[in-house]
C-alpha cells in the first residue's frame, strides 16, 4: 500500500509540489497545467477529462467542479501509481477554498487532517469515510486517539478514507451537515450520508466492528 508520505515524496520529486519557506505548495508549472485544463473542461465538459485515466472513481462525476476535475486528471495522468483515492484527496486539498494548514496535532495515525469544508467535499465524493472530530484540551479525545491510530495506523482497512477535523474551527458547519455538536465524535459515512457514529470514547474492537459493517454494506443498497 502506498503511504501518504510515499505519495508526497513522489509528488515532490515529479514537480507537482515544491518546498517553500511556509511549507509545501503546488508548483507554478502544475498550477498552469491545471489552469489550462480547467478552462478546457469548463468550455467542453468533463467527460474527456477522465476518459483515458486509470480506474477513475465512480463518485467523481463529469459535471463536478472543473478545477477539481482538472487537478485530479492531471495527478492521475502524471502518476498512475498513485491510487484514485489518494489523487482525489490531493486534488481536493489543492483546490481547497481554505489554503491554510488544518490543525493536525490531534489527528490519529493514518488520518488525513482536513478543514471542515474539505471533509464535506470528500465525504460527498468517496463511498466510505471515517471522520474524526476532535478538540484541544480534551481527555476523551486523548483517550480515543490511540484506538483510532491502532485501527488505521499500520494496516488501515481498504476502501475507507480516514479524515480528522478540528471541530472548533467549523462548529456551525459540522452541526448543520452532520449534527455534530462536540468532540470527540467519530462518523462512519456511506455514500455521503452518516451511517453510524460514536460520541465520546470508543474501544478498538467497537471501532473495528463498525468499520467491518461499513465495508460490508453495499453502496447501491444504501
C-alpha atoms as a PDB file:
ATOM      1  CA  UNK A   1       0.000   0.000   0.000  1.00  0.00           C
ATOM      2  CA  UNK A   2       1.261   3.476  -0.887  1.00  0.00           C
ATOM      3  CA  UNK A   3       1.525   5.619   2.230  1.00  0.00           C
ATOM      4  CA  UNK A   4       0.750   9.317   2.496  1.00  0.00           C
ATOM      5  CA  UNK A   5       4.475  10.018   2.931  1.00  0.00           C
ATOM      6  CA  UNK A   6       5.310   7.987  -0.188  1.00  0.00           C
ATOM      7  CA  UNK A   7       2.705   9.917  -2.162  1.00  0.00           C
ATOM      8  CA  UNK A   8       4.008  13.315  -1.051  1.00  0.00           C
ATOM      9  CA  UNK A   9       7.591  12.273  -1.849  1.00  0.00           C
ATOM     10  CA  UNK A  10       6.556  11.157  -5.334  1.00  0.00           C
ATOM     11  CA  UNK A  11       4.651  14.384  -5.995  1.00  0.00           C
ATOM     12  CA  UNK A  12       7.614  16.434  -4.770  1.00  0.00           C
ATOM     13  CA  UNK A  13      10.058  14.527  -6.974  1.00  0.00           C
ATOM     14  CA  UNK A  14       7.892  14.998 -10.058  1.00  0.00           C
ATOM     15  CA  UNK A  15       7.362  18.717  -9.526  1.00  0.00           C
ATOM     16  CA  UNK A  16       3.692  18.713  -8.548  1.00  0.00           C
ATOM     17  CA  UNK A  17       4.670  20.176  -5.190  1.00  0.00           C
ATOM     18  CA  UNK A  18       7.596  22.395  -4.327  1.00  0.00           C
ATOM     19  CA  UNK A  19       9.089  23.289  -0.974  1.00  0.00           C
ATOM     20  CA  UNK A  20       8.538  26.876   0.159  1.00  0.00           C
ATOM     21  CA  UNK A  21       9.507  28.694   3.382  1.00  0.00           C
ATOM     22  CA  UNK A  22       5.940  28.178   4.657  1.00  0.00           C
ATOM     23  CA  UNK A  23       5.720  24.503   3.642  1.00  0.00           C
ATOM     24  CA  UNK A  24       4.674  22.549   0.566  1.00  0.00           C
ATOM     25  CA  UNK A  25       2.815  24.293  -2.246  1.00  0.00           C
ATOM     26  CA  UNK A  26       1.736  23.366  -5.781  1.00  0.00           C
ATOM     27  CA  UNK A  27       4.474  24.194  -8.274  1.00  0.00           C
ATOM     28  CA  UNK A  28       3.944  27.002 -10.761  1.00  0.00           C
ATOM     29  CA  UNK A  29       4.126  24.534 -13.671  1.00  0.00           C
ATOM     30  CA  UNK A  30       1.456  22.310 -12.094  1.00  0.00           C
ATOM     31  CA  UNK A  31      -0.799  25.306 -11.384  1.00  0.00           C
ATOM     32  CA  UNK A  32      -0.501  26.466 -15.002  1.00  0.00           C
ATOM     33  CA  UNK A  33      -1.338  22.983 -16.321  1.00  0.00           C
ATOM     34  CA  UNK A  34      -4.382  22.727 -14.063  1.00  0.00           C
ATOM     35  CA  UNK A  35      -5.491  26.245 -15.018  1.00  0.00           C
ATOM     36  CA  UNK A  36      -5.312  25.457 -18.746  1.00  0.00           C
ATOM     37  CA  UNK A  37      -7.131  22.173 -18.221  1.00  0.00           C
ATOM     38  CA  UNK A  38      -9.807  23.846 -16.082  1.00  0.00           C
ATOM     39  CA  UNK A  39     -10.565  26.252 -18.904  1.00  0.00           C
ATOM     40  CA  UNK A  40     -10.780  23.409 -21.416  1.00  0.00           C
ATOM     41  CA  UNK A  41     -13.119  21.401 -19.173  1.00  0.00           C
ATOM     42  CA  UNK A  42     -15.314  24.427 -18.468  1.00  0.00           C
ATOM     43  CA  UNK A  43     -15.658  25.069 -22.186  1.00  0.00           C
ATOM     44  CA  UNK A  44     -16.109  21.480 -23.345  1.00  0.00           C
ATOM     45  CA  UNK A  45     -17.388  19.462 -20.385  1.00  0.00           C
ATOM     46  CA  UNK A  46     -15.658  16.942 -18.142  1.00  0.00           C
ATOM     47  CA  UNK A  47     -16.293  13.650 -19.967  1.00  0.00           C
ATOM     48  CA  UNK A  48     -12.998  13.676 -21.857  1.00  0.00           C
ATOM     49  CA  UNK A  49     -11.030  14.701 -18.753  1.00  0.00           C
ATOM     50  CA  UNK A  50     -11.414  11.260 -17.144  1.00  0.00           C
ATOM     51  CA  UNK A  51     -11.870   9.025 -20.193  1.00  0.00           C
ATOM     52  CA  UNK A  52      -8.246   7.905 -20.584  1.00  0.00           C
ATOM     53  CA  UNK A  53      -7.315   7.778 -16.894  1.00  0.00           C
ATOM     54  CA  UNK A  54      -6.683   4.545 -14.961  1.00  0.00           C
ATOM     55  CA  UNK A  55      -9.675   3.463 -12.816  1.00  0.00           C
ATOM     56  CA  UNK A  56     -11.367   6.868 -12.342  1.00  0.00           C
ATOM     57  CA  UNK A  57     -13.542   6.893  -9.209  1.00  0.00           C
ATOM     58  CA  UNK A  58     -17.232   6.410  -9.943  1.00  0.00           C
ATOM     59  CA  UNK A  59     -18.033   9.103  -7.380  1.00  0.00           C
ATOM     60  CA  UNK A  60     -16.300  11.825  -9.413  1.00  0.00           C
ATOM     61  CA  UNK A  61     -18.952  12.891 -11.944  1.00  0.00           C
ATOM     62  CA  UNK A  62     -18.173  14.617 -15.207  1.00  0.00           C
ATOM     63  CA  UNK A  63     -20.148  17.677 -14.034  1.00  0.00           C
ATOM     64  CA  UNK A  64     -18.002  18.127 -10.906  1.00  0.00           C
ATOM     65  CA  UNK A  65     -16.176  21.385 -10.278  1.00  0.00           C
ATOM     66  CA  UNK A  66     -13.926  21.936 -13.352  1.00  0.00           C
ATOM     67  CA  UNK A  67     -10.887  22.842 -11.237  1.00  0.00           C
ATOM     68  CA  UNK A  68     -11.274  19.680  -9.156  1.00  0.00           C
ATOM     69  CA  UNK A  69     -11.616  17.580 -12.318  1.00  0.00           C
ATOM     70  CA  UNK A  70      -8.553  19.281 -13.817  1.00  0.00           C
ATOM     71  CA  UNK A  71      -6.399  18.742 -10.716  1.00  0.00           C
ATOM     72  CA  UNK A  72      -7.500  15.118 -10.364  1.00  0.00           C
ATOM     73  CA  UNK A  73      -6.989  14.348 -14.074  1.00  0.00           C
ATOM     74  CA  UNK A  74      -3.525  15.921 -14.078  1.00  0.00           C
ATOM     75  CA  UNK A  75      -2.467  13.969 -10.989  1.00  0.00           C
ATOM     76  CA  UNK A  76      -3.714  10.646 -12.365  1.00  0.00           C
ATOM     77  CA  UNK A  77      -2.193  11.275 -15.771  1.00  0.00           C
ATOM     78  CA  UNK A  78       1.226  12.022 -14.329  1.00  0.00           C
ATOM     79  CA  UNK A  79       1.099   9.485 -11.500  1.00  0.00           C
ATOM     80  CA  UNK A  80      -0.878   6.356 -12.383  1.00  0.00           C
ATOM     81  CA  UNK A  81       0.811   4.581  -9.456  1.00  0.00           C
ATOM     82  CA  UNK A  82      -0.965   6.936  -7.028  1.00  0.00           C
ATOM     83  CA  UNK A  83      -4.350   5.448  -6.198  1.00  0.00           C
ATOM     84  CA  UNK A  84      -7.541   7.141  -7.322  1.00  0.00           C
ATOM     85  CA  UNK A  85      -8.467   7.878  -3.695  1.00  0.00           C
ATOM     86  CA  UNK A  86      -5.080   9.430  -2.925  1.00  0.00           C
ATOM     87  CA  UNK A  87      -5.292  11.520  -6.093  1.00  0.00           C
ATOM     88  CA  UNK A  88      -8.818  12.611  -5.207  1.00  0.00           C
ATOM     89  CA  UNK A  89      -7.804  13.660  -1.676  1.00  0.00           C
ATOM     90  CA  UNK A  90      -4.801  15.545  -3.046  1.00  0.00           C
ATOM     91  CA  UNK A  91      -6.948  17.248  -5.698  1.00  0.00           C
ATOM     92  CA  UNK A  92      -9.486  18.362  -3.090  1.00  0.00           C
ATOM     93  CA  UNK A  93      -6.732  19.776  -0.889  1.00  0.00           C
ATOM     94  CA  UNK A  94      -5.096  21.523  -3.858  1.00  0.00           C
ATOM     95  CA  UNK A  95      -8.386  23.178  -4.838  1.00  0.00           C
ATOM     96  CA  UNK A  96      -9.475  23.981  -1.301  1.00  0.00           C
ATOM     97  CA  UNK A  97     -11.108  27.337  -0.647  1.00  0.00           C
ATOM     98  CA  UNK A  98      -9.152  27.413   2.637  1.00  0.00           C
ATOM     99  CA  UNK A  99      -5.456  27.090   1.736  1.00  0.00           C
ATOM    100  CA  UNK A 100      -4.166  27.261   5.328  1.00  0.00           C
ATOM    101  CA  UNK A 101      -2.911  24.124   7.041  1.00  0.00           C
ATOM    102  CA  UNK A 102      -5.616  22.488   9.199  1.00  0.00           C
ATOM    103  CA  UNK A 103      -4.739  21.711  12.837  1.00  0.00           C
ATOM    104  CA  UNK A 104      -3.139  18.288  12.940  1.00  0.00           C
ATOM    105  CA  UNK A 105      -1.830  17.765  16.470  1.00  0.00           C
ATOM    106  CA  UNK A 106      -4.877  15.707  17.447  1.00  0.00           C
ATOM    107  CA  UNK A 107      -5.063  13.605  14.284  1.00  0.00           C
ATOM    108  CA  UNK A 108      -4.677   9.842  14.842  1.00  0.00           C
ATOM    109  CA  UNK A 109      -2.149   7.922  12.756  1.00  0.00           C
ATOM    110  CA  UNK A 110      -3.487   7.150   9.304  1.00  0.00           C
ATOM    111  CA  UNK A 111      -5.928  10.072   9.299  1.00  0.00           C
ATOM    112  CA  UNK A 112      -5.687  12.999   6.867  1.00  0.00           C
ATOM    113  CA  UNK A 113      -6.171  16.344   8.648  1.00  0.00           C
ATOM    114  CA  UNK A 114      -8.592  18.497   6.638  1.00  0.00           C
ATOM    115  CA  UNK A 115     -10.660  21.630   7.057  1.00  0.00           C
ATOM    116  CA  UNK A 116     -14.362  21.111   7.607  1.00  0.00           C
ATOM    117  CA  UNK A 117     -15.326  22.271   4.119  1.00  0.00           C
ATOM    118  CA  UNK A 118     -12.912  19.788   2.544  1.00  0.00           C
ATOM    119  CA  UNK A 119     -14.205  16.975   4.768  1.00  0.00           C
ATOM    120  CA  UNK A 120     -17.721  17.631   3.429  1.00  0.00           C
ATOM    121  CA  UNK A 121     -16.452  17.534  -0.173  1.00  0.00           C
ATOM    122  CA  UNK A 122     -14.595  14.260   0.391  1.00  0.00           C
ATOM    123  CA  UNK A 123     -17.499  12.617   2.215  1.00  0.00           C
ATOM    124  CA  UNK A 124     -19.704  13.502  -0.757  1.00  0.00           C
ATOM    125  CA  UNK A 125     -17.164  12.136  -3.265  1.00  0.00           C
ATOM    126  CA  UNK A 126     -15.956   8.966  -1.520  1.00  0.00           C
ATOM    127  CA  UNK A 127     -18.134   5.923  -0.862  1.00  0.00           C
ATOM    128  CA  UNK A 128     -16.941   5.183   2.678  1.00  0.00           C
ATOM    129  CA  UNK A 129     -15.293   7.571   5.140  1.00  0.00           C
ATOM    130  CA  UNK A 130     -14.498   7.751   8.821  1.00  0.00           C
ATOM    131  CA  UNK A 131     -14.472  11.351  10.048  1.00  0.00           C
ATOM    132  CA  UNK A 132     -12.958  12.007  13.475  1.00  0.00           C
ATOM    133  CA  UNK A 133     -13.861  15.366  15.051  1.00  0.00           C
ATOM    134  CA  UNK A 134     -11.597  16.451  17.879  1.00  0.00           C
ATOM    135  CA  UNK A 135     -10.783  19.431  20.058  1.00  0.00           C
ATOM    136  CA  UNK A 136      -7.853  20.527  22.195  1.00  0.00           C
ATOM    137  CA  UNK A 137      -7.558  20.000  25.954  1.00  0.00           C
ATOM    138  CA  UNK A 138      -9.989  17.109  25.654  1.00  0.00           C
ATOM    139  CA  UNK A 139      -9.330  13.993  27.744  1.00  0.00           C
ATOM    140  CA  UNK A 140     -11.813  11.817  25.807  1.00  0.00           C
ATOM    141  CA  UNK A 141     -10.099  12.879  22.564  1.00  0.00           C
ATOM    142  CA  UNK A 142      -6.761  11.849  24.014  1.00  0.00           C
ATOM    143  CA  UNK A 143      -8.292   8.542  25.110  1.00  0.00           C
ATOM    144  CA  UNK A 144      -9.765   7.568  21.716  1.00  0.00           C
ATOM    145  CA  UNK A 145      -6.851   8.765  19.571  1.00  0.00           C
ATOM    146  CA  UNK A 146      -4.607   5.712  20.227  1.00  0.00           C
ATOM    147  CA  UNK A 147      -7.538   3.403  19.484  1.00  0.00           C
ATOM    148  CA  UNK A 148      -8.103   5.071  16.125  1.00  0.00           C
ATOM    149  CA  UNK A 149      -4.358   5.016  15.468  1.00  0.00           C
ATOM    150  CA  UNK A 150      -4.291   1.282  16.142  1.00  0.00           C
ATOM    151  CA  UNK A 151      -7.057   0.638  13.604  1.00  0.00           C
ATOM    152  CA  UNK A 152      -5.806   2.965  10.855  1.00  0.00           C
ATOM    153  CA  UNK A 153      -2.094   3.374  11.516  1.00  0.00           C
ATOM    154  CA  UNK A 154      -0.014   0.379  10.439  1.00  0.00           C
ATOM    155  CA  UNK A 155      -2.530  -1.576   8.348  1.00  0.00           C
ATOM    156  CA  UNK A 156      -5.540   0.634   7.516  1.00  0.00           C
ATOM    157  CA  UNK A 157      -8.712  -1.034   6.251  1.00  0.00           C
ATOM    158  CA  UNK A 158      -9.112  -0.941   2.475  1.00  0.00           C
ATOM    159  CA  UNK A 159     -11.856   1.119   0.929  1.00  0.00           C
ATOM    160  CA  UNK A 160     -12.299   3.529   3.837  1.00  0.00           C
ATOM    161  CA  UNK A 161     -10.946   7.092   3.817  1.00  0.00           C
ATOM    162  CA  UNK A 162      -9.982   8.387   7.282  1.00  0.00           C
ATOM    163  CA  UNK A 163     -10.239  12.145   7.901  1.00  0.00           C
ATOM    164  CA  UNK A 164      -9.671  14.231  11.013  1.00  0.00           C
ATOM    165  CA  UNK A 165     -11.302  17.620  11.581  1.00  0.00           C
ATOM    166  CA  UNK A 166     -10.599  20.153  14.319  1.00  0.00           C
ATOM    167  CA  UNK A 167     -14.147  20.842  15.457  1.00  0.00           C
ATOM    168  CA  UNK A 168     -13.863  24.363  16.932  1.00  0.00           C
ATOM    169  CA  UNK A 169     -12.752  25.713  13.531  1.00  0.00           C
ATOM    170  CA  UNK A 170     -16.016  24.707  11.844  1.00  0.00           C
ATOM    171  CA  UNK A 171     -18.555  24.037  14.589  1.00  0.00           C
ATOM    172  CA  UNK A 172     -21.509  25.587  12.732  1.00  0.00           C
ATOM    173  CA  UNK A 173     -20.747  23.612   9.565  1.00  0.00           C
ATOM    174  CA  UNK A 174     -20.404  20.298  11.417  1.00  0.00           C
ATOM    175  CA  UNK A 175     -23.670  20.888  13.256  1.00  0.00           C
ATOM    176  CA  UNK A 176     -25.527  21.743  10.053  1.00  0.00           C
ATOM    177  CA  UNK A 177     -24.085  18.927   7.930  1.00  0.00           C
ATOM    178  CA  UNK A 178     -23.750  16.070  10.412  1.00  0.00           C
ATOM    179  CA  UNK A 179     -25.448  17.105  13.656  1.00  0.00           C
ATOM    180  CA  UNK A 180     -22.077  17.146  15.435  1.00  0.00           C
ATOM    181  CA  UNK A 181     -22.042  19.386  18.489  1.00  0.00           C
ATOM    182  CA  UNK A 182     -18.833  18.341  20.251  1.00  0.00           C
ATOM    183  CA  UNK A 183     -15.780  16.163  20.269  1.00  0.00           C
ATOM    184  CA  UNK A 184     -14.689  13.531  20.160  1.00  0.00           C
ATOM    185  CA  UNK A 185     -17.223  12.392  17.590  1.00  0.00           C
ATOM    186  CA  UNK A 186     -16.434   9.663  15.076  1.00  0.00           C
ATOM    187  CA  UNK A 187     -18.652   9.461  11.992  1.00  0.00           C
ATOM    188  CA  UNK A 188     -18.946   6.495   9.659  1.00  0.00           C
ATOM    189  CA  UNK A 189     -20.312   7.657   6.317  1.00  0.00           C
ATOM    190  CA  UNK A 190     -21.684   5.697   3.377  1.00  0.00           C
ATOM    191  CA  UNK A 191     -22.205   7.440   0.037  1.00  0.00           C
ATOM    192  CA  UNK A 192     -22.269  10.894   1.623  1.00  0.00           C
ATOM    193  CA  UNK A 193     -24.613  10.034   4.493  1.00  0.00           C
ATOM    194  CA  UNK A 194     -23.800   9.334   8.139  1.00  0.00           C
ATOM    195  CA  UNK A 195     -24.384   5.613   8.621  1.00  0.00           C
ATOM    196  CA  UNK A 196     -23.268   5.407  12.269  1.00  0.00           C
ATOM    197  CA  UNK A 197     -21.448   7.455  14.882  1.00  0.00           C
ATOM    198  CA  UNK A 198     -19.650   7.235  18.205  1.00  0.00           C
ATOM    199  CA  UNK A 199     -19.833  10.204  20.572  1.00  0.00           C
ATOM    200  CA  UNK A 200     -17.093  10.034  23.175  1.00  0.00           C
ATOM    201  CA  UNK A 201     -14.566   7.246  23.601  1.00  0.00           C
ATOM    202  CA  UNK A 202     -14.925   4.022  21.626  1.00  0.00           C
ATOM    203  CA  UNK A 203     -12.758   0.970  22.198  1.00  0.00           C
ATOM    204  CA  UNK A 204     -10.697  -0.571  19.401  1.00  0.00           C
ATOM    205  CA  UNK A 205     -12.903  -3.639  18.967  1.00  0.00           C
ATOM    206  CA  UNK A 206     -16.032  -1.466  18.676  1.00  0.00           C
ATOM    207  CA  UNK A 207     -14.349   0.690  16.024  1.00  0.00           C
ATOM    208  CA  UNK A 208     -13.248  -2.382  14.084  1.00  0.00           C
ATOM    209  CA  UNK A 209     -16.752  -3.875  14.175  1.00  0.00           C
ATOM    210  CA  UNK A 210     -18.279  -0.650  12.870  1.00  0.00           C
ATOM    211  CA  UNK A 211     -15.726  -0.419  10.080  1.00  0.00           C
ATOM    212  CA  UNK A 212     -16.353  -4.050   9.113  1.00  0.00           C
ATOM    213  CA  UNK A 213     -20.080  -3.307   8.962  1.00  0.00           C
ATOM    214  CA  UNK A 214     -19.426  -0.218   6.841  1.00  0.00           C
ATOM    215  CA  UNK A 215     -17.233  -2.153   4.412  1.00  0.00           C
ATOM    216  CA  UNK A 216     -19.803  -4.929   4.102  1.00  0.00           C
ATOM    217  CA  UNK A 217     -22.588  -2.519   3.235  1.00  0.00           C
ATOM    218  CA  UNK A 218     -23.329  -2.257  -0.468  1.00  0.00           C
ATOM    219  CA  UNK A 219     -23.359   1.340  -1.655  1.00  0.00           C
ATOM    220  CA  UNK A 220     -26.138   0.539  -4.087  1.00  0.00           C
ATOM    221  CA  UNK A 221     -28.338  -0.784  -1.266  1.00  0.00           C
ATOM    222  CA  UNK A 222     -27.945   2.354   0.834  1.00  0.00           C
END
